[in-house]
Every structure is written in structure tokens, then in C-alpha cells.
Amino acid sequence: MICSPSFLSCDFQKLESEILSINEAKWLHFDVMDGKFVPNSTYNDSMVERIKKISNQFFDVHLMIEKPEDFVNGYIEAGADLVTFHYEASNNPVDLVRFIKSKGILAGISVKPNTDVKVLDELLPLIDLVLIMSVEPGKGGQKFIPDSLEKIKYLKNKRSQYNYDYLIEVDGGINLETAKRVKLAGCDVIVVGSFIFNQNNRNKVIEELENV
């Protein structure tokens, strides 16, 4: 699997050294929250631009915001390689997926834990990645929701049945134990936050997670 570290729990006073401490990770996950779609707020596209100056990782941007159509272009221009938005937040997800892809980057779609993954069926032929939230989005350190495994299996079966080529990403409550479970279910990319940043040798933990 690919490990996409979420640096939300890092020390923002030492941002450059914190990002360098996970430089073995191929991807870097940006948690963008607006305080409306989810309870907390984080940062905007200026953070993507800032980290672009110190990292050449693949920028995996997750928009947990209302009206993503109004803001997505700022993240694309700031250097995102993949922009994932929420099905629940968009008035026309098909058009937004097409817009993102027209800019030459990858488009992802996400659903909250209580949303039936089958709502995404019409988008699966168009999408590059599906992000399953295995916790309620909006804050870190929550426990993994086991029902997420069924969503992963459903997406894996759909991909196999119709020869789709999207990646399946999981975000929330990931550690070495839950990483094994999502891998068995069919996950390709894991988003991991506090479990990595609470360790001293973060690159070693990333390697362990990718090879569970």
C-alpha cells in the first residue's frame, strides 16, 4: 500500500523539519477543513503552496469543505496532484470531477461514514480515487469504524467487475493492526496521522505500514 501521512497533528512551529521527518513517504495528505462542512477548520491553499517549496512528494489534497466548486482551482494552482472532495458537499459531483481532470491532475471523491458507498456508482468510471472515511471527518485520533471494511470490499469488487482503475484510499484510525485489515479488504492508499507523528522514527513506521 501507499502511505499518505497527514501532518495535521505535527508541530506547525517546526513545519519544515516535520515534513522532512516523513520524506520517505511518496504521498503527503492535506486535511482541508472549513469549520462548516466539518466542525473544525484548518488551513487553505496557501499551505499547499508553502509546502510545495520544501517537498516534492505527491500532494494528496482532501477538501472537507462546503461548495468545493468555489475553491478547488486555488488548490490546483497551488500544486495539488490529486484533489478529493466530498460527495455530500457538491451540487454536481460529475461536473466537478471532469473540471479537476481537465486541469491535468487526479480527481477523488469521498464519503462520510454514514453515507452509502453505492451513491458513488455513477462516478466510478470517471474517478481516479475513492476515499473512504473510517472515522467521522473533522478531527484526528478517533477509532476506526469496522463497517468501513465492507465499503472497501464493495469498491474492490466493482473495480474488478467493470475493470475500473480507481485507487481505494482509507482515512481514519489507521495503525499497524487496522492497516492489515484494510489491506486485506482491498485498500491501496492509507492516510495516517497521529500514529506516525507520535513516533520518533517516522520513516520506519511509514515503511512498516506500507508493508503490513
N, C-alpha and C. Protein backbone atom coordinates (compact mmCIF):
# COMPACT_ATOMS: atom_id res chain seq x y z
N MET A 1 0.84 -1.21 0.00
CA MET A 1 0.00 0.00 0.00
C MET A 1 0.87 1.25 0.00
N ILE A 2 0.27 2.34 -0.42
CA ILE A 2 0.90 3.66 -0.32
C ILE A 2 0.47 4.26 1.02
N CYS A 3 1.41 4.82 1.75
CA CYS A 3 1.09 5.54 2.98
C CYS A 3 1.13 7.04 2.70
N SER A 4 0.02 7.71 3.00
CA SER A 4 -0.09 9.16 2.77
C SER A 4 -0.20 9.84 4.14
N PRO A 5 0.93 10.27 4.72
CA PRO A 5 0.88 10.85 6.07
C PRO A 5 0.09 12.17 6.10
N SER A 6 -0.77 12.27 7.10
CA SER A 6 -1.48 13.50 7.36
C SER A 6 -0.73 14.26 8.45
N PHE A 7 -0.26 15.45 8.12
CA PHE A 7 0.60 16.19 9.05
C PHE A 7 -0.19 17.10 9.98
N LEU A 8 -1.49 16.89 10.08
CA LEU A 8 -2.35 17.75 10.89
C LEU A 8 -1.93 17.75 12.37
N SER A 9 -1.40 16.61 12.83
CA SER A 9 -1.00 16.52 14.24
C SER A 9 0.47 16.85 14.46
N CYS A 10 1.14 17.37 13.43
CA CYS A 10 2.57 17.71 13.60
C CYS A 10 2.71 19.06 14.30
N ASP A 11 3.95 19.43 14.63
CA ASP A 11 4.26 20.71 15.25
C ASP A 11 4.41 21.76 14.15
N PHE A 12 3.40 22.61 14.00
CA PHE A 12 3.41 23.59 12.92
C PHE A 12 4.46 24.70 13.13
N GLN A 13 4.99 24.78 14.34
CA GLN A 13 6.08 25.74 14.59
C GLN A 13 7.39 25.26 13.95
N LYS A 14 7.47 23.96 13.68
CA LYS A 14 8.66 23.37 13.05
C LYS A 14 8.24 22.63 11.78
N LEU A 15 7.44 23.27 10.98
CA LEU A 15 6.80 22.60 9.86
C LEU A 15 7.80 21.97 8.90
N GLU A 16 8.85 22.70 8.55
CA GLU A 16 9.81 22.18 7.57
C GLU A 16 10.47 20.90 8.06
N SER A 17 10.95 20.89 9.30
CA SER A 17 11.60 19.69 9.83
C SER A 17 10.60 18.55 10.02
N GLU A 18 9.36 18.88 10.32
CA GLU A 18 8.32 17.85 10.46
C GLU A 18 8.05 17.17 9.12
N ILE A 19 7.98 17.97 8.06
CA ILE A 19 7.75 17.38 6.73
C ILE A 19 8.97 16.56 6.30
N LEU A 20 10.16 17.05 6.61
CA LEU A 20 11.37 16.30 6.27
C LEU A 20 11.45 14.97 7.02
N SER A 21 10.83 14.91 8.20
CA SER A 21 10.88 13.69 9.01
C SER A 21 10.05 12.56 8.40
N ILE A 22 9.23 12.87 7.38
CA ILE A 22 8.43 11.85 6.70
C ILE A 22 8.75 11.83 5.20
N ASN A 23 10.01 12.16 4.88
CA ASN A 23 10.37 12.32 3.46
C ASN A 23 10.43 11.00 2.70
N GLU A 24 10.37 9.87 3.40
CA GLU A 24 10.34 8.57 2.71
C GLU A 24 8.94 8.25 2.16
N ALA A 25 7.94 8.96 2.66
CA ALA A 25 6.57 8.74 2.15
C ALA A 25 6.46 9.31 0.74
N LYS A 26 5.83 8.54 -0.15
CA LYS A 26 5.67 9.00 -1.53
C LYS A 26 4.59 10.09 -1.62
N TRP A 27 3.57 9.97 -0.78
CA TRP A 27 2.45 10.91 -0.78
C TRP A 27 2.45 11.74 0.49
N LEU A 28 1.77 12.89 0.42
CA LEU A 28 1.54 13.74 1.58
C LEU A 28 0.08 14.17 1.56
N HIS A 29 -0.61 13.99 2.70
CA HIS A 29 -2.05 14.22 2.76
C HIS A 29 -2.37 15.56 3.42
N PHE A 30 -3.18 16.36 2.75
CA PHE A 30 -3.60 17.67 3.26
C PHE A 30 -5.06 17.58 3.69
N ASP A 31 -5.31 17.83 4.98
CA ASP A 31 -6.67 17.85 5.53
C ASP A 31 -7.19 19.28 5.53
N VAL A 32 -8.04 19.59 4.59
CA VAL A 32 -8.58 20.96 4.48
C VAL A 32 -9.99 20.97 5.05
N MET A 33 -10.19 21.73 6.14
CA MET A 33 -11.50 21.80 6.80
C MET A 33 -11.92 23.26 6.93
N ASP A 34 -13.21 23.50 6.76
CA ASP A 34 -13.70 24.89 6.74
C ASP A 34 -14.51 25.30 7.97
N GLY A 35 -14.69 24.38 8.93
CA GLY A 35 -15.49 24.71 10.10
C GLY A 35 -16.98 24.75 9.82
N LYS A 36 -17.39 24.37 8.61
CA LYS A 36 -18.81 24.36 8.23
C LYS A 36 -19.24 22.94 7.84
N PHE A 37 -18.57 22.39 6.84
CA PHE A 37 -18.86 21.02 6.45
C PHE A 37 -18.48 20.04 7.57
N VAL A 38 -17.39 20.36 8.25
CA VAL A 38 -16.96 19.62 9.45
C VAL A 38 -16.75 20.64 10.57
N PRO A 39 -16.77 20.19 11.84
CA PRO A 39 -16.71 21.15 12.95
C PRO A 39 -15.42 21.97 13.03
N ASN A 40 -14.29 21.40 12.67
CA ASN A 40 -13.02 22.10 12.81
C ASN A 40 -12.63 22.82 11.53
N SER A 41 -11.71 23.78 11.66
CA SER A 41 -11.12 24.42 10.49
C SER A 41 -9.61 24.29 10.56
N THR A 42 -8.97 24.20 9.40
CA THR A 42 -7.52 24.01 9.39
C THR A 42 -6.81 25.12 8.62
N TYR A 43 -6.56 24.91 7.35
CA TYR A 43 -5.79 25.87 6.55
C TYR A 43 -6.38 25.93 5.15
N ASN A 44 -5.83 26.82 4.33
CA ASN A 44 -6.33 26.95 2.96
C ASN A 44 -5.23 26.61 1.96
N ASP A 45 -5.41 27.01 0.71
CA ASP A 45 -4.46 26.60 -0.33
C ASP A 45 -3.07 27.19 -0.15
N SER A 46 -2.92 28.22 0.68
CA SER A 46 -1.58 28.77 0.92
C SER A 46 -0.67 27.74 1.60
N MET A 47 -1.25 26.79 2.34
CA MET A 47 -0.44 25.74 2.97
C MET A 47 0.14 24.80 1.90
N VAL A 48 -0.65 24.50 0.89
CA VAL A 48 -0.15 23.66 -0.21
C VAL A 48 1.01 24.36 -0.90
N GLU A 49 0.84 25.64 -1.16
CA GLU A 49 1.89 26.44 -1.81
C GLU A 49 3.15 26.49 -0.95
N ARG A 50 2.96 26.64 0.34
CA ARG A 50 4.10 26.73 1.28
C ARG A 50 4.91 25.43 1.29
N ILE A 51 4.22 24.31 1.38
CA ILE A 51 4.92 23.03 1.48
C ILE A 51 5.50 22.60 0.14
N LYS A 52 4.94 23.11 -0.95
CA LYS A 52 5.49 22.81 -2.28
C LYS A 52 6.94 23.25 -2.39
N LYS A 53 7.31 24.24 -1.61
CA LYS A 53 8.69 24.76 -1.65
C LYS A 53 9.68 23.85 -0.95
N ILE A 54 9.18 22.94 -0.11
CA ILE A 54 10.10 22.08 0.66
C ILE A 54 9.89 20.59 0.39
N SER A 55 8.92 20.24 -0.45
CA SER A 55 8.62 18.84 -0.68
C SER A 55 8.32 18.57 -2.15
N ASN A 56 8.81 17.42 -2.63
CA ASN A 56 8.46 17.00 -4.00
C ASN A 56 7.60 15.74 -3.97
N GLN A 57 6.93 15.52 -2.82
CA GLN A 57 6.02 14.39 -2.70
C GLN A 57 4.75 14.61 -3.54
N PHE A 58 3.98 13.54 -3.69
CA PHE A 58 2.69 13.61 -4.37
C PHE A 58 1.70 14.25 -3.40
N PHE A 59 1.09 15.37 -3.80
CA PHE A 59 0.22 16.14 -2.90
C PHE A 59 -1.22 15.67 -3.03
N ASP A 60 -1.67 15.03 -1.97
CA ASP A 60 -2.98 14.38 -1.85
C ASP A 60 -3.87 15.31 -1.01
N VAL A 61 -4.70 16.11 -1.68
CA VAL A 61 -5.47 17.16 -1.01
C VAL A 61 -6.92 16.72 -0.81
N HIS A 62 -7.36 16.70 0.43
CA HIS A 62 -8.72 16.26 0.79
C HIS A 62 -9.52 17.47 1.27
N LEU A 63 -10.49 17.87 0.47
CA LEU A 63 -11.32 19.04 0.80
C LEU A 63 -12.55 18.62 1.60
N MET A 64 -12.54 18.92 2.89
CA MET A 64 -13.71 18.70 3.75
C MET A 64 -14.38 20.05 3.94
N ILE A 65 -14.93 20.56 2.82
CA ILE A 65 -15.46 21.92 2.80
C ILE A 65 -16.78 21.96 2.04
N GLU A 66 -17.59 22.96 2.37
CA GLU A 66 -18.81 23.22 1.60
C GLU A 66 -18.44 23.90 0.27
N LYS A 67 -19.27 23.69 -0.72
CA LYS A 67 -19.10 24.31 -2.04
C LYS A 67 -17.68 24.15 -2.59
N PRO A 68 -17.19 22.92 -2.71
CA PRO A 68 -15.82 22.72 -3.18
C PRO A 68 -15.57 23.32 -4.56
N GLU A 69 -16.63 23.44 -5.37
CA GLU A 69 -16.51 24.03 -6.71
C GLU A 69 -15.91 25.43 -6.66
N ASP A 70 -16.21 26.16 -5.58
CA ASP A 70 -15.77 27.55 -5.48
C ASP A 70 -14.29 27.68 -5.11
N PHE A 71 -13.69 26.60 -4.62
CA PHE A 71 -12.33 26.71 -4.07
C PHE A 71 -11.31 25.78 -4.73
N VAL A 72 -11.78 24.82 -5.49
CA VAL A 72 -10.89 23.76 -5.98
C VAL A 72 -9.75 24.30 -6.84
N ASN A 73 -10.02 25.31 -7.64
CA ASN A 73 -8.99 25.80 -8.55
C ASN A 73 -7.78 26.37 -7.80
N GLY A 74 -8.02 26.98 -6.64
CA GLY A 74 -6.91 27.51 -5.83
C GLY A 74 -5.94 26.42 -5.40
N TYR A 75 -6.48 25.25 -5.07
CA TYR A 75 -5.63 24.13 -4.65
C TYR A 75 -4.88 23.53 -5.83
N ILE A 76 -5.53 23.51 -6.98
CA ILE A 76 -4.86 23.02 -8.19
C ILE A 76 -3.70 23.93 -8.54
N GLU A 77 -3.93 25.24 -8.51
CA GLU A 77 -2.87 26.20 -8.85
C GLU A 77 -1.76 26.20 -7.81
N ALA A 78 -2.08 25.85 -6.57
CA ALA A 78 -1.07 25.84 -5.50
C ALA A 78 -0.16 24.62 -5.58
N GLY A 79 -0.58 23.59 -6.35
CA GLY A 79 0.33 22.45 -6.54
C GLY A 79 -0.23 21.09 -6.20
N ALA A 80 -1.54 20.97 -6.02
CA ALA A 80 -2.13 19.66 -5.72
C ALA A 80 -1.94 18.72 -6.92
N ASP A 81 -1.64 17.45 -6.61
CA ASP A 81 -1.57 16.42 -7.65
C ASP A 81 -2.88 15.63 -7.73
N LEU A 82 -3.60 15.62 -6.63
CA LEU A 82 -4.90 14.95 -6.51
C LEU A 82 -5.77 15.80 -5.62
N VAL A 83 -6.98 16.09 -6.06
CA VAL A 83 -7.95 16.79 -5.20
C VAL A 83 -9.15 15.88 -5.01
N THR A 84 -9.44 15.59 -3.74
CA THR A 84 -10.59 14.79 -3.36
C THR A 84 -11.60 15.68 -2.66
N PHE A 85 -12.85 15.61 -3.09
CA PHE A 85 -13.91 16.39 -2.44
C PHE A 85 -14.99 15.43 -1.96
N HIS A 86 -15.93 15.94 -1.18
CA HIS A 86 -16.98 15.10 -0.62
C HIS A 86 -18.23 15.09 -1.49
N TYR A 87 -18.71 13.89 -1.74
CA TYR A 87 -19.97 13.71 -2.47
C TYR A 87 -21.08 14.52 -1.81
N GLU A 88 -21.09 14.53 -0.48
CA GLU A 88 -22.16 15.21 0.26
C GLU A 88 -22.10 16.73 0.14
N ALA A 89 -20.96 17.27 -0.28
CA ALA A 89 -20.77 18.73 -0.31
C ALA A 89 -20.97 19.36 -1.67
N SER A 90 -21.06 18.52 -2.71
CA SER A 90 -21.09 19.05 -4.07
C SER A 90 -22.48 18.96 -4.69
N ASN A 91 -22.88 20.01 -5.39
CA ASN A 91 -24.17 20.01 -6.09
C ASN A 91 -24.12 19.18 -7.37
N ASN A 92 -22.95 19.14 -7.99
CA ASN A 92 -22.81 18.38 -9.24
C ASN A 92 -21.44 17.70 -9.28
N PRO A 93 -21.31 16.55 -8.59
CA PRO A 93 -20.01 15.90 -8.49
C PRO A 93 -19.43 15.47 -9.84
N VAL A 94 -20.27 15.09 -10.78
CA VAL A 94 -19.76 14.67 -12.09
C VAL A 94 -19.04 15.82 -12.78
N ASP A 95 -19.66 16.99 -12.79
CA ASP A 95 -19.03 18.16 -13.41
C ASP A 95 -17.73 18.54 -12.71
N LEU A 96 -17.72 18.43 -11.38
CA LEU A 96 -16.52 18.81 -10.63
C LEU A 96 -15.38 17.83 -10.91
N VAL A 97 -15.68 16.56 -10.98
CA VAL A 97 -14.65 15.56 -11.34
C VAL A 97 -14.07 15.90 -12.71
N ARG A 98 -14.93 16.20 -13.66
CA ARG A 98 -14.46 16.50 -15.03
C ARG A 98 -13.62 17.77 -15.05
N PHE A 99 -14.01 18.77 -14.25
CA PHE A 99 -13.23 20.01 -14.19
C PHE A 99 -11.84 19.74 -13.64
N ILE A 100 -11.75 18.99 -12.54
CA ILE A 100 -10.45 18.70 -11.92
C ILE A 100 -9.55 17.96 -12.92
N LYS A 101 -10.10 16.96 -13.58
CA LYS A 101 -9.31 16.17 -14.53
C LYS A 101 -8.90 17.01 -15.75
N SER A 102 -9.72 17.99 -16.10
CA SER A 102 -9.39 18.85 -17.24
C SER A 102 -8.15 19.70 -16.97
N LYS A 103 -7.83 19.85 -15.69
CA LYS A 103 -6.65 20.63 -15.28
C LYS A 103 -5.38 19.79 -15.24
N GLY A 104 -5.50 18.51 -15.63
CA GLY A 104 -4.32 17.65 -15.72
C GLY A 104 -3.90 17.00 -14.43
N ILE A 105 -4.79 16.99 -13.43
CA ILE A 105 -4.47 16.31 -12.17
C ILE A 105 -5.55 15.25 -11.90
N LEU A 106 -5.35 14.49 -10.83
CA LEU A 106 -6.27 13.41 -10.50
C LEU A 106 -7.44 13.93 -9.66
N ALA A 107 -8.59 13.26 -9.82
CA ALA A 107 -9.80 13.65 -9.09
C ALA A 107 -10.24 12.50 -8.20
N GLY A 108 -10.53 12.84 -6.94
CA GLY A 108 -11.01 11.86 -5.98
C GLY A 108 -12.36 12.26 -5.40
N ILE A 109 -13.10 11.28 -4.93
CA ILE A 109 -14.39 11.53 -4.28
C ILE A 109 -14.38 10.82 -2.94
N SER A 110 -15.01 11.44 -1.94
CA SER A 110 -15.05 10.85 -0.60
C SER A 110 -16.47 10.81 -0.08
N VAL A 111 -16.70 9.85 0.83
CA VAL A 111 -17.99 9.78 1.52
C VAL A 111 -17.77 9.65 3.02
N LYS A 112 -18.67 10.27 3.77
CA LYS A 112 -18.64 10.16 5.23
C LYS A 112 -19.07 8.75 5.66
N PRO A 113 -18.79 8.38 6.93
CA PRO A 113 -19.12 7.02 7.39
C PRO A 113 -20.59 6.64 7.24
N ASN A 114 -21.51 7.59 7.38
CA ASN A 114 -22.93 7.25 7.32
C ASN A 114 -23.53 7.29 5.91
N THR A 115 -22.70 7.62 4.92
CA THR A 115 -23.18 7.66 3.54
C THR A 115 -22.97 6.31 2.87
N ASP A 116 -24.01 5.81 2.22
CA ASP A 116 -23.92 4.53 1.50
C ASP A 116 -22.97 4.69 0.32
N VAL A 117 -21.98 3.82 0.24
CA VAL A 117 -20.97 3.93 -0.81
C VAL A 117 -21.58 3.74 -2.21
N LYS A 118 -22.75 3.12 -2.29
CA LYS A 118 -23.39 2.89 -3.59
C LYS A 118 -23.82 4.18 -4.29
N VAL A 119 -23.89 5.29 -3.54
CA VAL A 119 -24.22 6.58 -4.18
C VAL A 119 -23.16 6.98 -5.20
N LEU A 120 -21.98 6.37 -5.10
CA LEU A 120 -20.87 6.73 -5.99
C LEU A 120 -20.86 5.94 -7.29
N ASP A 121 -21.79 5.01 -7.46
CA ASP A 121 -21.73 4.09 -8.60
C ASP A 121 -21.56 4.79 -9.95
N GLU A 122 -22.30 5.88 -10.17
CA GLU A 122 -22.21 6.55 -11.48
C GLU A 122 -20.88 7.26 -11.67
N LEU A 123 -20.18 7.54 -10.57
CA LEU A 123 -18.90 8.25 -10.66
C LEU A 123 -17.71 7.31 -10.83
N LEU A 124 -17.88 6.06 -10.52
CA LEU A 124 -16.75 5.12 -10.51
C LEU A 124 -16.02 5.01 -11.86
N PRO A 125 -16.71 5.10 -13.00
CA PRO A 125 -15.96 5.04 -14.27
C PRO A 125 -15.11 6.29 -14.52
N LEU A 126 -15.43 7.39 -13.85
CA LEU A 126 -14.78 8.68 -14.11
C LEU A 126 -13.64 9.00 -13.15
N ILE A 127 -13.67 8.39 -11.99
CA ILE A 127 -12.86 8.85 -10.86
C ILE A 127 -11.49 8.17 -10.82
N ASP A 128 -10.51 8.86 -10.24
CA ASP A 128 -9.17 8.29 -10.07
C ASP A 128 -8.97 7.66 -8.69
N LEU A 129 -9.77 8.10 -7.72
CA LEU A 129 -9.60 7.61 -6.35
C LEU A 129 -10.91 7.77 -5.59
N VAL A 130 -11.20 6.78 -4.74
CA VAL A 130 -12.31 6.90 -3.80
C VAL A 130 -11.73 6.85 -2.39
N LEU A 131 -12.08 7.86 -1.59
CA LEU A 131 -11.60 7.94 -0.21
C LEU A 131 -12.73 7.56 0.74
N ILE A 132 -12.52 6.47 1.46
CA ILE A 132 -13.48 6.04 2.47
C ILE A 132 -13.06 6.60 3.82
N MET A 133 -13.94 7.37 4.43
CA MET A 133 -13.67 7.89 5.77
C MET A 133 -14.04 6.81 6.80
N SER A 134 -13.02 6.34 7.52
CA SER A 134 -13.24 5.30 8.52
C SER A 134 -13.36 5.88 9.93
N VAL A 135 -13.48 7.20 9.99
CA VAL A 135 -13.89 7.93 11.20
C VAL A 135 -14.77 9.08 10.71
N GLU A 136 -15.45 9.74 11.62
CA GLU A 136 -16.22 10.93 11.25
C GLU A 136 -15.24 12.06 10.96
N PRO A 137 -15.26 12.65 9.75
CA PRO A 137 -14.26 13.67 9.42
C PRO A 137 -14.38 14.91 10.29
N GLY A 138 -13.22 15.50 10.57
CA GLY A 138 -13.23 16.75 11.32
C GLY A 138 -12.24 16.82 12.46
N LYS A 139 -11.76 15.66 12.93
CA LYS A 139 -10.74 15.68 13.97
C LYS A 139 -9.94 14.39 13.94
N GLY A 140 -8.71 14.46 14.44
CA GLY A 140 -7.83 13.29 14.44
C GLY A 140 -8.00 12.46 15.70
N GLY A 141 -7.31 11.31 15.70
CA GLY A 141 -7.23 10.48 16.89
C GLY A 141 -8.46 9.65 17.21
N GLN A 142 -9.39 9.50 16.25
CA GLN A 142 -10.59 8.71 16.50
C GLN A 142 -10.35 7.23 16.20
N LYS A 143 -11.25 6.38 16.69
CA LYS A 143 -11.13 4.94 16.46
C LYS A 143 -11.72 4.54 15.12
N PHE A 144 -11.11 3.57 14.50
CA PHE A 144 -11.52 3.02 13.21
C PHE A 144 -12.92 2.43 13.30
N ILE A 145 -13.76 2.76 12.30
CA ILE A 145 -15.12 2.22 12.23
C ILE A 145 -15.10 0.94 11.39
N PRO A 146 -15.36 -0.23 12.00
CA PRO A 146 -15.23 -1.50 11.28
C PRO A 146 -16.08 -1.63 10.02
N ASP A 147 -17.24 -0.97 9.99
CA ASP A 147 -18.12 -1.06 8.81
C ASP A 147 -17.43 -0.56 7.53
N SER A 148 -16.36 0.21 7.70
CA SER A 148 -15.62 0.73 6.55
C SER A 148 -15.08 -0.40 5.69
N LEU A 149 -14.80 -1.54 6.30
CA LEU A 149 -14.23 -2.67 5.55
C LEU A 149 -15.18 -3.16 4.47
N GLU A 150 -16.48 -3.11 4.75
CA GLU A 150 -17.46 -3.55 3.75
C GLU A 150 -17.49 -2.59 2.56
N LYS A 151 -17.30 -1.31 2.82
CA LYS A 151 -17.26 -0.33 1.72
C LYS A 151 -16.04 -0.58 0.83
N ILE A 152 -14.90 -0.89 1.46
CA ILE A 152 -13.69 -1.17 0.69
C ILE A 152 -13.89 -2.40 -0.19
N LYS A 153 -14.47 -3.44 0.39
CA LYS A 153 -14.72 -4.68 -0.36
C LYS A 153 -15.68 -4.43 -1.53
N TYR A 154 -16.69 -3.62 -1.30
CA TYR A 154 -17.65 -3.29 -2.36
C TYR A 154 -16.93 -2.60 -3.52
N LEU A 155 -16.08 -1.62 -3.20
CA LEU A 155 -15.36 -0.88 -4.23
C LEU A 155 -14.36 -1.77 -4.97
N LYS A 156 -13.72 -2.67 -4.23
CA LYS A 156 -12.78 -3.60 -4.86
C LYS A 156 -13.51 -4.51 -5.85
N ASN A 157 -14.67 -5.01 -5.45
CA ASN A 157 -15.45 -5.89 -6.32
C ASN A 157 -15.95 -5.16 -7.56
N LYS A 158 -16.41 -3.93 -7.37
CA LYS A 158 -16.88 -3.11 -8.51
C LYS A 158 -15.73 -2.87 -9.50
N ARG A 159 -14.58 -2.55 -8.96
CA ARG A 159 -13.41 -2.28 -9.81
C ARG A 159 -13.04 -3.51 -10.64
N SER A 160 -13.06 -4.65 -9.99
CA SER A 160 -12.75 -5.90 -10.67
C SER A 160 -13.82 -6.27 -11.71
N GLN A 161 -15.08 -6.09 -11.34
CA GLN A 161 -16.19 -6.49 -12.20
C GLN A 161 -16.24 -5.68 -13.49
N TYR A 162 -15.98 -4.37 -13.37
CA TYR A 162 -16.11 -3.48 -14.53
C TYR A 162 -14.78 -2.99 -15.09
N ASN A 163 -13.69 -3.52 -14.53
CA ASN A 163 -12.35 -3.13 -14.98
C ASN A 163 -12.09 -1.63 -14.83
N TYR A 164 -12.59 -1.05 -13.73
CA TYR A 164 -12.27 0.34 -13.40
C TYR A 164 -10.83 0.43 -12.90
N ASP A 165 -10.28 1.64 -12.84
CA ASP A 165 -8.88 1.75 -12.40
C ASP A 165 -8.66 2.76 -11.28
N TYR A 166 -9.69 3.05 -10.49
CA TYR A 166 -9.51 3.97 -9.37
C TYR A 166 -8.74 3.29 -8.22
N LEU A 167 -8.08 4.14 -7.43
CA LEU A 167 -7.46 3.68 -6.20
C LEU A 167 -8.48 3.77 -5.07
N ILE A 168 -8.32 2.91 -4.07
CA ILE A 168 -9.17 2.96 -2.87
C ILE A 168 -8.30 3.44 -1.71
N GLU A 169 -8.70 4.57 -1.13
CA GLU A 169 -7.95 5.18 -0.03
C GLU A 169 -8.82 5.15 1.23
N VAL A 170 -8.19 4.96 2.37
CA VAL A 170 -8.91 4.93 3.65
C VAL A 170 -8.24 5.91 4.61
N ASP A 171 -9.07 6.65 5.33
CA ASP A 171 -8.58 7.69 6.24
C ASP A 171 -9.33 7.60 7.57
N GLY A 172 -8.56 7.37 8.65
CA GLY A 172 -9.14 7.41 9.99
C GLY A 172 -8.85 6.19 10.84
N GLY A 173 -8.16 6.41 11.96
CA GLY A 173 -7.92 5.32 12.90
C GLY A 173 -6.97 4.26 12.38
N ILE A 174 -6.06 4.65 11.48
CA ILE A 174 -5.14 3.66 10.91
C ILE A 174 -3.88 3.51 11.76
N ASN A 175 -3.61 2.27 12.14
CA ASN A 175 -2.37 1.87 12.80
C ASN A 175 -1.94 0.55 12.17
N LEU A 176 -0.94 -0.12 12.74
CA LEU A 176 -0.45 -1.36 12.12
C LEU A 176 -1.54 -2.44 12.06
N GLU A 177 -2.37 -2.49 13.07
CA GLU A 177 -3.42 -3.51 13.10
C GLU A 177 -4.52 -3.23 12.07
N THR A 178 -5.04 -1.99 12.08
CA THR A 178 -6.12 -1.66 11.14
C THR A 178 -5.60 -1.58 9.70
N ALA A 179 -4.32 -1.25 9.53
CA ALA A 179 -3.73 -1.23 8.18
C ALA A 179 -3.79 -2.62 7.56
N LYS A 180 -3.53 -3.66 8.35
CA LYS A 180 -3.63 -5.03 7.84
C LYS A 180 -5.05 -5.35 7.40
N ARG A 181 -6.02 -4.90 8.19
CA ARG A 181 -7.42 -5.20 7.88
C ARG A 181 -7.89 -4.52 6.60
N VAL A 182 -7.50 -3.26 6.43
CA VAL A 182 -7.94 -2.56 5.21
C VAL A 182 -7.21 -3.09 3.98
N LYS A 183 -5.97 -3.52 4.16
CA LYS A 183 -5.22 -4.10 3.04
C LYS A 183 -5.90 -5.38 2.55
N LEU A 184 -6.28 -6.22 3.49
CA LEU A 184 -6.97 -7.47 3.14
C LEU A 184 -8.30 -7.21 2.42
N ALA A 185 -8.94 -6.12 2.79
CA ALA A 185 -10.24 -5.76 2.18
C ALA A 185 -10.07 -5.20 0.77
N GLY A 186 -8.87 -4.69 0.44
CA GLY A 186 -8.64 -4.18 -0.91
C GLY A 186 -8.15 -2.75 -1.01
N CYS A 187 -7.70 -2.20 0.11
CA CYS A 187 -7.25 -0.80 0.12
C CYS A 187 -5.89 -0.64 -0.57
N ASP A 188 -5.70 0.50 -1.26
CA ASP A 188 -4.45 0.81 -1.95
C ASP A 188 -3.64 1.91 -1.26
N VAL A 189 -4.34 2.84 -0.62
CA VAL A 189 -3.68 4.00 0.00
C VAL A 189 -4.25 4.20 1.40
N ILE A 190 -3.35 4.36 2.38
CA ILE A 190 -3.80 4.64 3.76
C ILE A 190 -3.34 6.03 4.18
N VAL A 191 -4.26 6.77 4.77
CA VAL A 191 -3.93 8.08 5.35
C VAL A 191 -3.69 7.86 6.85
N VAL A 192 -2.52 8.28 7.31
CA VAL A 192 -2.15 8.04 8.70
C VAL A 192 -1.61 9.33 9.30
N GLY A 193 -2.17 9.72 10.45
CA GLY A 193 -1.76 10.96 11.08
C GLY A 193 -1.02 10.77 12.38
N SER A 194 -1.75 10.77 13.49
CA SER A 194 -1.13 10.76 14.81
C SER A 194 -0.28 9.51 15.05
N PHE A 195 -0.65 8.37 14.46
CA PHE A 195 0.13 7.15 14.66
C PHE A 195 1.57 7.32 14.16
N ILE A 196 1.75 8.10 13.09
CA ILE A 196 3.10 8.37 12.59
C ILE A 196 3.78 9.45 13.42
N PHE A 197 3.07 10.56 13.66
CA PHE A 197 3.72 11.71 14.29
C PHE A 197 3.96 11.53 15.79
N ASN A 198 3.39 10.48 16.37
CA ASN A 198 3.69 10.17 17.77
C ASN A 198 4.95 9.31 17.92
N GLN A 199 5.59 8.95 16.79
CA GLN A 199 6.79 8.09 16.82
C GLN A 199 8.04 8.94 16.62
N ASN A 200 9.16 8.40 17.09
CA ASN A 200 10.44 9.07 16.88
C ASN A 200 10.98 8.83 15.48
N ASN A 201 10.99 7.56 15.06
CA ASN A 201 11.49 7.23 13.72
C ASN A 201 10.29 7.07 12.78
N ARG A 202 9.87 8.18 12.22
CA ARG A 202 8.62 8.20 11.45
C ARG A 202 8.75 7.48 10.12
N ASN A 203 9.90 7.62 9.48
CA ASN A 203 10.08 6.94 8.19
C ASN A 203 10.04 5.42 8.36
N LYS A 204 10.54 4.92 9.48
CA LYS A 204 10.50 3.48 9.74
C LYS A 204 9.04 3.01 9.89
N VAL A 205 8.24 3.81 10.58
CA VAL A 205 6.83 3.48 10.76
C VAL A 205 6.10 3.49 9.42
N ILE A 206 6.41 4.45 8.59
CA ILE A 206 5.81 4.52 7.25
C ILE A 206 6.13 3.25 6.46
N GLU A 207 7.37 2.82 6.52
CA GLU A 207 7.77 1.59 5.81
C GLU A 207 7.01 0.38 6.35
N GLU A 208 6.86 0.32 7.67
CA GLU A 208 6.14 -0.80 8.29
C GLU A 208 4.66 -0.80 7.86
N LEU A 209 4.07 0.37 7.81
CA LEU A 209 2.67 0.48 7.41
C LEU A 209 2.47 0.07 5.96
N GLU A 210 3.40 0.45 5.10
CA GLU A 210 3.27 0.13 3.68
C GLU A 210 3.46 -1.35 3.40
N ASN A 211 4.08 -2.06 4.34
CA ASN A 211 4.40 -3.46 4.12
C ASN A 211 3.77 -4.41 5.13
N VAL A 212 2.63 -4.00 5.71
CA VAL A 212 1.98 -4.87 6.71
C VAL A 212 1.51 -6.17 6.06
